[in-house]
């Protein structure tokens, strides 16, 4: 029986459209009327991440993937809902209270060129979190740990006094992963860590993450657009659309038998060498704006199976098997 590590229930996040400094200045000067519109990035997300598994979150740009990652890590405060690490609620903790969980939960960011401090050497980047979270270690023990970390991610220990600009993008992402591993976490959020890398380098970093998961029983929340990576790396897959999870299933089941119309459209776009007849599903209609939250199904405007109920009632996540669920009225009513 899988042990839940992260539990997310009813998570919502809205951003005010008046939060920019320019909008606030214009409002104060009387040059712009204040609007009450908000961007609804997350709309009731429910997820469980088990110990030792990789949950991949996929969906088009703007569906709320990165906001979900930042909310879990405490980098943005949710508007509503709860996030639990084991049995401890963590979404309401302040920075001081969250310090214990900073060691247990780490993040690898998308851009390896921006996620490392350009004024710090590799040694300084890795020694700072180690010294902070493990103050009992001596300088010699820290040096040995850094040498072991660098070797484990394929970076020479002789490069520890080098700065980020002296490394390639793949090497920087390896250093970012070493930094995340330096405090021996249980859970790592990886927000599109491969998107800025060449294909050959992507494979190296991905294999490195797989090896570290096997060694340390790590849990990953892995955010990506690359469905080929998902098929190779994920234990389970959550498909998001406009701030909601529309389908959640084990990887093999999702790729062999997708249920939700949006999931089917996503998977149909993957090039297959063994397929000569299947054509990509072309979605018709405009992508709805996150400023206006739909009353019914979030996919209603582009779904070929939508009926009146889809425009009026929000679909609930319904179990399709012991480990998969989907939110779709058409599936519930047997129309597809």
C-alpha atoms as a PDB file:
ATOM      1  CA  UNK A   1       0.000   0.000   0.000  1.00  0.00           C
ATOM      2  CA  UNK A   2       1.484   3.357  -1.083  1.00  0.00           C
ATOM      3  CA  UNK A   3       2.192   5.867   1.680  1.00  0.00           C
ATOM      4  CA  UNK A   4       1.006   9.419   0.910  1.00  0.00           C
ATOM      5  CA  UNK A   5       3.765  12.016   1.276  1.00  0.00           C
ATOM      6  CA  UNK A   6       2.035  15.141  -0.099  1.00  0.00           C
ATOM      7  CA  UNK A   7      -1.738  15.587   0.027  1.00  0.00           C
ATOM      8  CA  UNK A   8      -3.407  18.521  -1.733  1.00  0.00           C
ATOM      9  CA  UNK A   9      -7.114  19.234  -1.321  1.00  0.00           C
ATOM     10  CA  UNK A  10      -9.264  21.972  -2.841  1.00  0.00           C
ATOM     11  CA  UNK A  11      -6.240  24.101  -3.769  1.00  0.00           C
ATOM     12  CA  UNK A  12      -7.055  27.449  -5.365  1.00  0.00           C
ATOM     13  CA  UNK A  13      -4.917  30.410  -6.329  1.00  0.00           C
ATOM     14  CA  UNK A  14      -6.055  33.706  -7.806  1.00  0.00           C
ATOM     15  CA  UNK A  15      -3.932  36.687  -8.817  1.00  0.00           C
ATOM     16  CA  UNK A  16      -5.344  40.197  -8.889  1.00  0.00           C
ATOM     17  CA  UNK A  17      -4.983  41.948 -12.235  1.00  0.00           C
ATOM     18  CA  UNK A  18      -4.206  45.178 -10.349  1.00  0.00           C
ATOM     19  CA  UNK A  19      -1.082  43.925  -8.583  1.00  0.00           C
ATOM     20  CA  UNK A  20       1.386  45.440 -11.067  1.00  0.00           C
ATOM     21  CA  UNK A  21       3.132  48.614 -10.001  1.00  0.00           C
ATOM     22  CA  UNK A  22       1.959  50.375 -13.172  1.00  0.00           C
ATOM     23  CA  UNK A  23      -1.679  49.499 -12.534  1.00  0.00           C
ATOM     24  CA  UNK A  24      -1.439  50.653  -8.925  1.00  0.00           C
ATOM     25  CA  UNK A  25       0.227  53.930  -9.941  1.00  0.00           C
ATOM     26  CA  UNK A  26      -2.396  54.625 -12.596  1.00  0.00           C
ATOM     27  CA  UNK A  27      -5.163  53.935 -10.107  1.00  0.00           C
ATOM     28  CA  UNK A  28      -3.649  56.296  -7.522  1.00  0.00           C
ATOM     29  CA  UNK A  29      -3.287  59.008 -10.163  1.00  0.00           C
ATOM     30  CA  UNK A  30      -6.918  58.606 -11.190  1.00  0.00           C
ATOM     31  CA  UNK A  31      -5.941  57.532 -14.705  1.00  0.00           C
ATOM     32  CA  UNK A  32      -7.304  54.018 -14.460  1.00  0.00           C
ATOM     33  CA  UNK A  33     -10.382  52.541 -12.859  1.00  0.00           C
ATOM     34  CA  UNK A  34      -9.715  49.670 -10.466  1.00  0.00           C
ATOM     35  CA  UNK A  35     -11.053  46.357 -11.710  1.00  0.00           C
ATOM     36  CA  UNK A  36     -11.993  43.459  -9.526  1.00  0.00           C
ATOM     37  CA  UNK A  37     -10.914  40.882 -12.094  1.00  0.00           C
ATOM     38  CA  UNK A  38      -8.612  38.090 -10.980  1.00  0.00           C
ATOM     39  CA  UNK A  39      -6.645  35.469 -12.862  1.00  0.00           C
ATOM     40  CA  UNK A  40      -7.747  32.065 -11.562  1.00  0.00           C
ATOM     41  CA  UNK A  41      -4.585  29.971 -11.863  1.00  0.00           C
ATOM     42  CA  UNK A  42      -5.771  27.007  -9.736  1.00  0.00           C
ATOM     43  CA  UNK A  43      -9.410  26.003  -9.355  1.00  0.00           C
ATOM     44  CA  UNK A  44      -9.832  23.251  -6.789  1.00  0.00           C
ATOM     45  CA  UNK A  45      -6.859  20.925  -7.332  1.00  0.00           C
ATOM     46  CA  UNK A  46      -6.882  17.601  -5.457  1.00  0.00           C
ATOM     47  CA  UNK A  47      -3.755  15.432  -5.653  1.00  0.00           C
ATOM     48  CA  UNK A  48      -1.826  12.880  -3.622  1.00  0.00           C
ATOM     49  CA  UNK A  49       1.889  12.201  -4.143  1.00  0.00           C
ATOM     50  CA  UNK A  50       3.100   8.928  -2.680  1.00  0.00           C
ATOM     51  CA  UNK A  51       6.517   8.158  -1.250  1.00  0.00           C
ATOM     52  CA  UNK A  52       8.993   6.986  -3.878  1.00  0.00           C
ATOM     53  CA  UNK A  53       6.834   7.800  -6.903  1.00  0.00           C
ATOM     54  CA  UNK A  54       7.058  10.302  -9.754  1.00  0.00           C
ATOM     55  CA  UNK A  55       3.879  12.235 -10.408  1.00  0.00           C
ATOM     56  CA  UNK A  56       4.132  14.076 -13.728  1.00  0.00           C
ATOM     57  CA  UNK A  57       1.869  17.066 -14.333  1.00  0.00           C
ATOM     58  CA  UNK A  58       1.176  17.905 -17.986  1.00  0.00           C
ATOM     59  CA  UNK A  59      -0.941  20.467 -19.786  1.00  0.00           C
ATOM     60  CA  UNK A  60      -0.608  23.426 -22.093  1.00  0.00           C
ATOM     61  CA  UNK A  61       0.999  26.721 -21.113  1.00  0.00           C
ATOM     62  CA  UNK A  62      -1.085  28.669 -18.602  1.00  0.00           C
ATOM     63  CA  UNK A  63      -2.944  25.709 -17.120  1.00  0.00           C
ATOM     64  CA  UNK A  64      -1.470  26.273 -13.634  1.00  0.00           C
ATOM     65  CA  UNK A  65       1.371  23.741 -13.457  1.00  0.00           C
ATOM     66  CA  UNK A  66       4.054  26.132 -12.220  1.00  0.00           C
ATOM     67  CA  UNK A  67       1.628  27.839  -9.825  1.00  0.00           C
ATOM     68  CA  UNK A  68       0.877  24.427  -8.322  1.00  0.00           C
ATOM     69  CA  UNK A  69       4.607  23.779  -7.852  1.00  0.00           C
ATOM     70  CA  UNK A  70       5.211  27.162  -6.245  1.00  0.00           C
ATOM     71  CA  UNK A  71       2.223  26.748  -3.922  1.00  0.00           C
ATOM     72  CA  UNK A  72       3.501  23.380  -2.698  1.00  0.00           C
ATOM     73  CA  UNK A  73       6.946  24.855  -2.024  1.00  0.00           C
ATOM     74  CA  UNK A  74       5.519  27.858  -0.180  1.00  0.00           C
ATOM     75  CA  UNK A  75       6.745  30.345  -2.793  1.00  0.00           C
ATOM     76  CA  UNK A  76       3.196  31.605  -3.274  1.00  0.00           C
ATOM     77  CA  UNK A  77       0.317  31.608  -0.793  1.00  0.00           C
ATOM     78  CA  UNK A  78      -2.801  29.671  -1.899  1.00  0.00           C
ATOM     79  CA  UNK A  79      -6.110  31.516  -1.952  1.00  0.00           C
ATOM     80  CA  UNK A  80      -7.923  28.455  -0.584  1.00  0.00           C
ATOM     81  CA  UNK A  81      -7.385  24.762   0.080  1.00  0.00           C
ATOM     82  CA  UNK A  82      -4.877  22.744   2.077  1.00  0.00           C
ATOM     83  CA  UNK A  83      -1.455  21.167   1.532  1.00  0.00           C
ATOM     84  CA  UNK A  84      -0.228  18.449   3.900  1.00  0.00           C
ATOM     85  CA  UNK A  85       3.265  16.975   4.198  1.00  0.00           C
ATOM     86  CA  UNK A  86       2.660  13.582   5.836  1.00  0.00           C
ATOM     87  CA  UNK A  87       0.287  14.603   8.663  1.00  0.00           C
ATOM     88  CA  UNK A  88       1.398  18.237   8.951  1.00  0.00           C
ATOM     89  CA  UNK A  89      -0.454  21.068   7.213  1.00  0.00           C
ATOM     90  CA  UNK A  90       2.137  23.343   5.605  1.00  0.00           C
ATOM     91  CA  UNK A  91       0.277  25.870   3.454  1.00  0.00           C
ATOM     92  CA  UNK A  92      -0.317  28.252   6.380  1.00  0.00           C
ATOM     93  CA  UNK A  93       3.192  28.164   7.845  1.00  0.00           C
ATOM     94  CA  UNK A  94       5.359  31.278   7.902  1.00  0.00           C
ATOM     95  CA  UNK A  95       8.987  31.207   6.749  1.00  0.00           C
ATOM     96  CA  UNK A  96      10.333  30.388  10.210  1.00  0.00           C
ATOM     97  CA  UNK A  97       7.856  27.552  10.793  1.00  0.00           C
ATOM     98  CA  UNK A  98       8.508  26.157   7.320  1.00  0.00           C
ATOM     99  CA  UNK A  99      12.263  25.887   7.909  1.00  0.00           C
ATOM    100  CA  UNK A 100      12.076  22.209   8.892  1.00  0.00           C
ATOM    101  CA  UNK A 101      10.230  21.392   5.678  1.00  0.00           C
ATOM    102  CA  UNK A 102      12.742  23.349   3.578  1.00  0.00           C
ATOM    103  CA  UNK A 103      15.146  20.506   4.180  1.00  0.00           C
ATOM    104  CA  UNK A 104      12.610  17.804   3.381  1.00  0.00           C
ATOM    105  CA  UNK A 105      11.301  19.523   0.221  1.00  0.00           C
ATOM    106  CA  UNK A 106      13.493  20.987  -2.512  1.00  0.00           C
ATOM    107  CA  UNK A 107      12.941  22.443  -5.975  1.00  0.00           C
ATOM    108  CA  UNK A 108      14.800  22.335  -9.287  1.00  0.00           C
ATOM    109  CA  UNK A 109      13.834  25.303 -11.446  1.00  0.00           C
ATOM    110  CA  UNK A 110      13.285  25.496 -15.177  1.00  0.00           C
ATOM    111  CA  UNK A 111      16.060  27.853 -16.205  1.00  0.00           C
ATOM    112  CA  UNK A 112      19.569  26.682 -15.219  1.00  0.00           C
ATOM    113  CA  UNK A 113      20.939  30.076 -16.305  1.00  0.00           C
ATOM    114  CA  UNK A 114      18.843  31.966 -13.736  1.00  0.00           C
ATOM    115  CA  UNK A 115      18.530  29.535 -10.821  1.00  0.00           C
ATOM    116  CA  UNK A 116      22.176  29.769  -9.691  1.00  0.00           C
ATOM    117  CA  UNK A 117      23.666  32.857  -8.068  1.00  0.00           C
ATOM    118  CA  UNK A 118      26.262  34.189 -10.562  1.00  0.00           C
ATOM    119  CA  UNK A 119      28.370  35.632  -7.721  1.00  0.00           C
ATOM    120  CA  UNK A 120      28.743  32.348  -5.867  1.00  0.00           C
ATOM    121  CA  UNK A 121      31.081  29.517  -6.764  1.00  0.00           C
ATOM    122  CA  UNK A 122      29.820  25.958  -6.946  1.00  0.00           C
ATOM    123  CA  UNK A 123      31.394  25.300  -3.560  1.00  0.00           C
ATOM    124  CA  UNK A 124      29.591  28.253  -1.993  1.00  0.00           C
ATOM    125  CA  UNK A 125      26.299  27.263  -3.627  1.00  0.00           C
ATOM    126  CA  UNK A 126      26.459  23.762  -2.154  1.00  0.00           C
ATOM    127  CA  UNK A 127      28.073  24.541   1.196  1.00  0.00           C
ATOM    128  CA  UNK A 128      25.547  27.223   2.199  1.00  0.00           C
ATOM    129  CA  UNK A 129      22.488  24.904   2.573  1.00  0.00           C
ATOM    130  CA  UNK A 130      24.594  22.117   4.095  1.00  0.00           C
ATOM    131  CA  UNK A 131      26.081  24.396   6.759  1.00  0.00           C
ATOM    132  CA  UNK A 132      22.668  25.909   7.515  1.00  0.00           C
ATOM    133  CA  UNK A 133      20.711  22.669   7.874  1.00  0.00           C
ATOM    134  CA  UNK A 134      23.541  20.581   9.343  1.00  0.00           C
ATOM    135  CA  UNK A 135      25.510  22.952  11.603  1.00  0.00           C
ATOM    136  CA  UNK A 136      27.100  20.045  13.443  1.00  0.00           C
ATOM    137  CA  UNK A 137      29.271  19.194  10.419  1.00  0.00           C
ATOM    138  CA  UNK A 138      32.879  20.343  10.391  1.00  0.00           C
ATOM    139  CA  UNK A 139      34.527  22.079   7.431  1.00  0.00           C
ATOM    140  CA  UNK A 140      36.273  18.841   6.472  1.00  0.00           C
ATOM    141  CA  UNK A 141      32.984  16.907   6.547  1.00  0.00           C
ATOM    142  CA  UNK A 142      31.292  19.572   4.402  1.00  0.00           C
ATOM    143  CA  UNK A 143      34.159  19.427   1.897  1.00  0.00           C
ATOM    144  CA  UNK A 144      33.854  15.640   1.687  1.00  0.00           C
ATOM    145  CA  UNK A 145      30.106  15.837   1.221  1.00  0.00           C
ATOM    146  CA  UNK A 146      30.421  18.402  -1.583  1.00  0.00           C
ATOM    147  CA  UNK A 147      33.031  16.278  -3.329  1.00  0.00           C
ATOM    148  CA  UNK A 148      30.704  13.265  -3.122  1.00  0.00           C
ATOM    149  CA  UNK A 149      27.736  15.297  -4.364  1.00  0.00           C
ATOM    150  CA  UNK A 150      29.593  16.656  -7.371  1.00  0.00           C
ATOM    151  CA  UNK A 151      30.888  13.217  -8.280  1.00  0.00           C
ATOM    152  CA  UNK A 152      27.366  11.782  -8.034  1.00  0.00           C
ATOM    153  CA  UNK A 153      26.044  14.270 -10.612  1.00  0.00           C
ATOM    154  CA  UNK A 154      29.017  13.952 -12.943  1.00  0.00           C
ATOM    155  CA  UNK A 155      30.814  17.220 -12.111  1.00  0.00           C
ATOM    156  CA  UNK A 156      34.543  17.200 -11.356  1.00  0.00           C
ATOM    157  CA  UNK A 157      35.472  18.216  -7.819  1.00  0.00           C
ATOM    158  CA  UNK A 158      38.185  20.440  -9.315  1.00  0.00           C
ATOM    159  CA  UNK A 159      35.386  22.655 -10.666  1.00  0.00           C
ATOM    160  CA  UNK A 160      34.082  23.546  -7.206  1.00  0.00           C
ATOM    161  CA  UNK A 161      35.774  26.957  -7.290  1.00  0.00           C
ATOM    162  CA  UNK A 162      34.251  27.843 -10.675  1.00  0.00           C
ATOM    163  CA  UNK A 163      31.316  30.185 -11.238  1.00  0.00           C
ATOM    164  CA  UNK A 164      28.030  29.314 -13.034  1.00  0.00           C
ATOM    165  CA  UNK A 165      28.967  31.172 -16.240  1.00  0.00           C
ATOM    166  CA  UNK A 166      31.852  28.744 -16.710  1.00  0.00           C
ATOM    167  CA  UNK A 167      29.489  25.779 -17.154  1.00  0.00           C
ATOM    168  CA  UNK A 168      27.148  24.641 -19.915  1.00  0.00           C
ATOM    169  CA  UNK A 169      23.374  24.517 -19.428  1.00  0.00           C
ATOM    170  CA  UNK A 170      23.401  20.783 -18.729  1.00  0.00           C
ATOM    171  CA  UNK A 171      26.184  21.147 -16.187  1.00  0.00           C
ATOM    172  CA  UNK A 172      24.321  23.969 -14.459  1.00  0.00           C
ATOM    173  CA  UNK A 173      21.213  21.839 -14.166  1.00  0.00           C
ATOM    174  CA  UNK A 174      23.326  19.055 -12.676  1.00  0.00           C
ATOM    175  CA  UNK A 175      24.652  21.551 -10.127  1.00  0.00           C
ATOM    176  CA  UNK A 176      21.075  22.634  -9.382  1.00  0.00           C
ATOM    177  CA  UNK A 177      20.162  18.996  -8.776  1.00  0.00           C
ATOM    178  CA  UNK A 178      23.229  18.597  -6.527  1.00  0.00           C
ATOM    179  CA  UNK A 179      22.101  21.644  -4.553  1.00  0.00           C
ATOM    180  CA  UNK A 180      18.640  20.106  -4.110  1.00  0.00           C
ATOM    181  CA  UNK A 181      20.177  16.788  -3.007  1.00  0.00           C
ATOM    182  CA  UNK A 182      22.665  18.438  -0.641  1.00  0.00           C
ATOM    183  CA  UNK A 183      20.191  18.559   2.271  1.00  0.00           C
ATOM    184  CA  UNK A 184      18.988  14.958   1.698  1.00  0.00           C
ATOM    185  CA  UNK A 185      15.324  15.742   0.894  1.00  0.00           C
ATOM    186  CA  UNK A 186      12.436  13.297   0.607  1.00  0.00           C
ATOM    187  CA  UNK A 187      10.593  15.249  -2.085  1.00  0.00           C
ATOM    188  CA  UNK A 188      11.767  17.269  -5.088  1.00  0.00           C
ATOM    189  CA  UNK A 189       9.642  19.519  -7.288  1.00  0.00           C
ATOM    190  CA  UNK A 190      11.115  19.763 -10.798  1.00  0.00           C
ATOM    191  CA  UNK A 191       9.489  22.551 -12.821  1.00  0.00           C
ATOM    192  CA  UNK A 192      10.323  21.769 -16.462  1.00  0.00           C
ATOM    193  CA  UNK A 193      14.000  21.148 -15.664  1.00  0.00           C
ATOM    194  CA  UNK A 194      14.766  19.860 -19.170  1.00  0.00           C
ATOM    195  CA  UNK A 195      13.125  22.495 -21.371  1.00  0.00           C
ATOM    196  CA  UNK A 196      16.223  24.729 -21.694  1.00  0.00           C
ATOM    197  CA  UNK A 197      18.564  21.832 -22.537  1.00  0.00           C
ATOM    198  CA  UNK A 198      19.568  20.044 -25.726  1.00  0.00           C
ATOM    199  CA  UNK A 199      17.958  16.665 -26.350  1.00  0.00           C
ATOM    200  CA  UNK A 200      21.115  14.653 -25.629  1.00  0.00           C
ATOM    201  CA  UNK A 201      21.696  16.582 -22.404  1.00  0.00           C
ATOM    202  CA  UNK A 202      18.039  16.106 -21.426  1.00  0.00           C
ATOM    203  CA  UNK A 203      18.545  12.342 -21.468  1.00  0.00           C
ATOM    204  CA  UNK A 204      21.621  12.620 -19.238  1.00  0.00           C
ATOM    205  CA  UNK A 205      19.875  14.787 -16.635  1.00  0.00           C
ATOM    206  CA  UNK A 206      16.745  12.615 -16.710  1.00  0.00           C
ATOM    207  CA  UNK A 207      18.732   9.411 -16.209  1.00  0.00           C
ATOM    208  CA  UNK A 208      20.589  11.089 -13.355  1.00  0.00           C
ATOM    209  CA  UNK A 209      17.277  11.940 -11.663  1.00  0.00           C
ATOM    210  CA  UNK A 210      16.090   8.348 -12.090  1.00  0.00           C
ATOM    211  CA  UNK A 211      19.308   7.020 -10.539  1.00  0.00           C
ATOM    212  CA  UNK A 212      19.023   9.376  -7.552  1.00  0.00           C
ATOM    213  CA  UNK A 213      15.416   8.352  -7.018  1.00  0.00           C
ATOM    214  CA  UNK A 214      16.410   4.688  -6.882  1.00  0.00           C
ATOM    215  CA  UNK A 215      19.286   5.419  -4.484  1.00  0.00           C
ATOM    216  CA  UNK A 216      17.363   7.633  -2.053  1.00  0.00           C
ATOM    217  CA  UNK A 217      13.704   6.638  -2.533  1.00  0.00           C
ATOM    218  CA  UNK A 218      12.918  10.197  -3.630  1.00  0.00           C
ATOM    219  CA  UNK A 219       9.472  11.405  -4.578  1.00  0.00           C
ATOM    220  CA  UNK A 220       9.167  13.740  -7.561  1.00  0.00           C
ATOM    221  CA  UNK A 221       6.574  16.182  -8.760  1.00  0.00           C
ATOM    222  CA  UNK A 222       7.751  16.550 -12.338  1.00  0.00           C
ATOM    223  CA  UNK A 223       6.273  19.280 -14.541  1.00  0.00           C
ATOM    224  CA  UNK A 224       6.854  19.031 -18.279  1.00  0.00           C
ATOM    225  CA  UNK A 225       5.437  19.578 -21.754  1.00  0.00           C
ATOM    226  CA  UNK A 226       7.346  16.613 -23.195  1.00  0.00           C
ATOM    227  CA  UNK A 227       5.026  13.614 -23.257  1.00  0.00           C
ATOM    228  CA  UNK A 228       7.869  11.323 -24.356  1.00  0.00           C
ATOM    229  CA  UNK A 229       9.638  12.141 -21.088  1.00  0.00           C
ATOM    230  CA  UNK A 230       6.413  11.507 -19.187  1.00  0.00           C
ATOM    231  CA  UNK A 231       6.005   8.062 -20.737  1.00  0.00           C
ATOM    232  CA  UNK A 232       9.572   7.157 -19.785  1.00  0.00           C
ATOM    233  CA  UNK A 233       9.792   8.718 -16.323  1.00  0.00           C
ATOM    234  CA  UNK A 234       6.374   8.977 -14.640  1.00  0.00           C
ATOM    235  CA  UNK A 235       4.710   6.606 -12.212  1.00  0.00           C
ATOM    236  CA  UNK A 236       1.399   8.462 -12.520  1.00  0.00           C
ATOM    237  CA  UNK A 237       0.259  11.367 -14.683  1.00  0.00           C
ATOM    238  CA  UNK A 238      -2.047  14.272 -13.826  1.00  0.00           C
ATOM    239  CA  UNK A 239      -3.461  16.141 -16.836  1.00  0.00           C
ATOM    240  CA  UNK A 240      -4.339  19.769 -16.095  1.00  0.00           C
ATOM    241  CA  UNK A 241      -6.510  22.187 -18.051  1.00  0.00           C
ATOM    242  CA  UNK A 242      -7.309  25.755 -17.002  1.00  0.00           C
ATOM    243  CA  UNK A 243      -6.370  25.232 -13.357  1.00  0.00           C
ATOM    244  CA  UNK A 244      -8.087  21.879 -12.830  1.00  0.00           C
ATOM    245  CA  UNK A 245      -7.001  18.247 -12.976  1.00  0.00           C
ATOM    246  CA  UNK A 246      -9.144  16.563 -15.610  1.00  0.00           C
ATOM    247  CA  UNK A 247      -7.555  13.098 -15.550  1.00  0.00           C
ATOM    248  CA  UNK A 248      -5.253  11.189 -13.198  1.00  0.00           C
ATOM    249  CA  UNK A 249      -3.963   7.719 -14.007  1.00  0.00           C
ATOM    250  CA  UNK A 250      -0.928   5.417 -13.954  1.00  0.00           C
ATOM    251  CA  UNK A 251       1.360   6.116 -16.899  1.00  0.00           C
ATOM    252  CA  UNK A 252       0.776   2.907 -18.848  1.00  0.00           C
ATOM    253  CA  UNK A 253      -2.965   3.123 -18.416  1.00  0.00           C
ATOM    254  CA  UNK A 254      -3.104   6.767 -19.466  1.00  0.00           C
ATOM    255  CA  UNK A 255      -1.046   6.243 -22.619  1.00  0.00           C
ATOM    256  CA  UNK A 256      -2.794   3.023 -23.645  1.00  0.00           C
ATOM    257  CA  UNK A 257      -6.347   4.085 -22.821  1.00  0.00           C
ATOM    258  CA  UNK A 258      -6.835   7.848 -22.294  1.00  0.00           C
ATOM    259  CA  UNK A 259     -10.327   8.763 -21.148  1.00  0.00           C
ATOM    260  CA  UNK A 260     -10.756  12.545 -21.116  1.00  0.00           C
ATOM    261  CA  UNK A 261     -11.199  14.253 -24.536  1.00  0.00           C
ATOM    262  CA  UNK A 262      -8.389  16.670 -23.732  1.00  0.00           C
ATOM    263  CA  UNK A 263      -6.018  13.838 -22.802  1.00  0.00           C
ATOM    264  CA  UNK A 264      -6.886  12.071 -26.055  1.00  0.00           C
ATOM    265  CA  UNK A 265      -6.080  15.220 -28.015  1.00  0.00           C
ATOM    266  CA  UNK A 266      -2.735  15.639 -26.220  1.00  0.00           C
ATOM    267  CA  UNK A 267      -1.637  12.052 -26.794  1.00  0.00           C
ATOM    268  CA  UNK A 268      -2.773  12.041 -30.424  1.00  0.00           C
ATOM    269  CA  UNK A 269      -0.192  14.736 -31.140  1.00  0.00           C
ATOM    270  CA  UNK A 270       2.742  12.462 -30.222  1.00  0.00           C
ATOM    271  CA  UNK A 271       4.559  11.273 -33.384  1.00  0.00           C
ATOM    272  CA  UNK A 272       4.496   7.475 -33.612  1.00  0.00           C
ATOM    273  CA  UNK A 273       6.654   5.437 -35.975  1.00  0.00           C
ATOM    274  CA  UNK A 274       4.286   2.459 -35.741  1.00  0.00           C
ATOM    275  CA  UNK A 275       1.146   4.455 -36.586  1.00  0.00           C
ATOM    276  CA  UNK A 276       0.150   5.116 -40.193  1.00  0.00           C
ATOM    277  CA  UNK A 277      -3.564   5.808 -39.868  1.00  0.00           C
ATOM    278  CA  UNK A 278      -4.135   7.768 -36.669  1.00  0.00           C
ATOM    279  CA  UNK A 279      -4.450  11.518 -37.176  1.00  0.00           C
ATOM    280  CA  UNK A 280      -3.948  14.170 -34.504  1.00  0.00           C
ATOM    281  CA  UNK A 281      -7.173  15.364 -32.926  1.00  0.00           C
ATOM    282  CA  UNK A 282      -7.652  19.039 -33.795  1.00  0.00           C
ATOM    283  CA  UNK A 283      -9.415  20.989 -31.090  1.00  0.00           C
ATOM    284  CA  UNK A 284     -11.771  23.682 -32.358  1.00  0.00           C
ATOM    285  CA  UNK A 285     -12.577  26.826 -30.437  1.00  0.00           C
ATOM    286  CA  UNK A 286     -10.803  29.452 -28.384  1.00  0.00           C
ATOM    287  CA  UNK A 287      -8.886  28.711 -25.210  1.00  0.00           C
ATOM    288  CA  UNK A 288     -10.953  30.326 -22.426  1.00  0.00           C
ATOM    289  CA  UNK A 289      -9.345  33.104 -20.417  1.00  0.00           C
ATOM    290  CA  UNK A 290      -8.464  32.342 -16.779  1.00  0.00           C
ATOM    291  CA  UNK A 291      -9.922  35.719 -15.823  1.00  0.00           C
ATOM    292  CA  UNK A 292     -13.441  34.422 -16.393  1.00  0.00           C
ATOM    293  CA  UNK A 293     -13.846  31.163 -14.500  1.00  0.00           C
ATOM    294  CA  UNK A 294     -16.210  28.795 -16.400  1.00  0.00           C
ATOM    295  CA  UNK A 295     -19.392  27.807 -14.585  1.00  0.00           C
ATOM    296  CA  UNK A 296     -19.376  24.246 -15.890  1.00  0.00           C
ATOM    297  CA  UNK A 297     -16.611  22.084 -17.322  1.00  0.00           C
ATOM    298  CA  UNK A 298     -13.410  24.025 -18.023  1.00  0.00           C
ATOM    299  CA  UNK A 299     -13.019  22.185 -21.366  1.00  0.00           C
ATOM    300  CA  UNK A 300     -16.574  22.908 -22.545  1.00  0.00           C
ATOM    301  CA  UNK A 301     -15.686  25.430 -25.287  1.00  0.00           C
ATOM    302  CA  UNK A 302     -13.337  23.035 -27.131  1.00  0.00           C
ATOM    303  CA  UNK A 303     -14.872  19.646 -26.398  1.00  0.00           C
ATOM    304  CA  UNK A 304     -16.615  17.864 -29.313  1.00  0.00           C
ATOM    305  CA  UNK A 305     -18.788  15.920 -26.835  1.00  0.00           C
ATOM    306  CA  UNK A 306     -20.101  18.852 -24.764  1.00  0.00           C
ATOM    307  CA  UNK A 307     -23.832  19.134 -24.070  1.00  0.00           C
ATOM    308  CA  UNK A 308     -25.949  21.477 -21.964  1.00  0.00           C
ATOM    309  CA  UNK A 309     -24.930  19.822 -18.700  1.00  0.00           C
ATOM    310  CA  UNK A 310     -21.260  20.526 -19.482  1.00  0.00           C
ATOM    311  CA  UNK A 311     -22.015  24.264 -19.627  1.00  0.00           C
ATOM    312  CA  UNK A 312     -23.945  24.293 -16.359  1.00  0.00           C
ATOM    313  CA  UNK A 313     -22.356  21.771 -13.995  1.00  0.00           C
ATOM    314  CA  UNK A 314     -18.751  21.255 -12.933  1.00  0.00           C
ATOM    315  CA  UNK A 315     -17.769  17.582 -13.420  1.00  0.00           C
ATOM    316  CA  UNK A 316     -16.401  15.693 -10.424  1.00  0.00           C
ATOM    317  CA  UNK A 317     -13.444  13.330 -10.453  1.00  0.00           C
ATOM    318  CA  UNK A 318     -14.896   9.830 -10.822  1.00  0.00           C
ATOM    319  CA  UNK A 319     -12.955   6.616 -10.304  1.00  0.00           C
ATOM    320  CA  UNK A 320     -12.479   4.591 -13.477  1.00  0.00           C
ATOM    321  CA  UNK A 321     -10.346   1.912 -11.824  1.00  0.00           C
ATOM    322  CA  UNK A 322      -8.511   1.394  -8.532  1.00  0.00           C
ATOM    323  CA  UNK A 323      -5.868   3.958  -9.473  1.00  0.00           C
ATOM    324  CA  UNK A 324      -7.331   6.229 -12.171  1.00  0.00           C
ATOM    325  CA  UNK A 325     -10.000   8.913 -12.234  1.00  0.00           C
ATOM    326  CA  UNK A 326     -11.443  11.395 -14.721  1.00  0.00           C
ATOM    327  CA  UNK A 327     -13.659  14.479 -14.571  1.00  0.00           C
ATOM    328  CA  UNK A 328     -15.994  14.327 -17.575  1.00  0.00           C
ATOM    329  CA  UNK A 329     -19.794  14.291 -17.903  1.00  0.00           C
ATOM    330  CA  UNK A 330     -19.618  12.558 -21.288  1.00  0.00           C
ATOM    331  CA  UNK A 331     -17.708   9.636 -19.804  1.00  0.00           C
ATOM    332  CA  UNK A 332     -20.007   9.493 -16.789  1.00  0.00           C
ATOM    333  CA  UNK A 333     -23.067   9.335 -19.068  1.00  0.00           C
ATOM    334  CA  UNK A 334     -21.467   6.837 -21.455  1.00  0.00           C
ATOM    335  CA  UNK A 335     -21.532   9.208 -24.442  1.00  0.00           C
ATOM    336  CA  UNK A 336     -17.882   8.448 -25.325  1.00  0.00           C
END
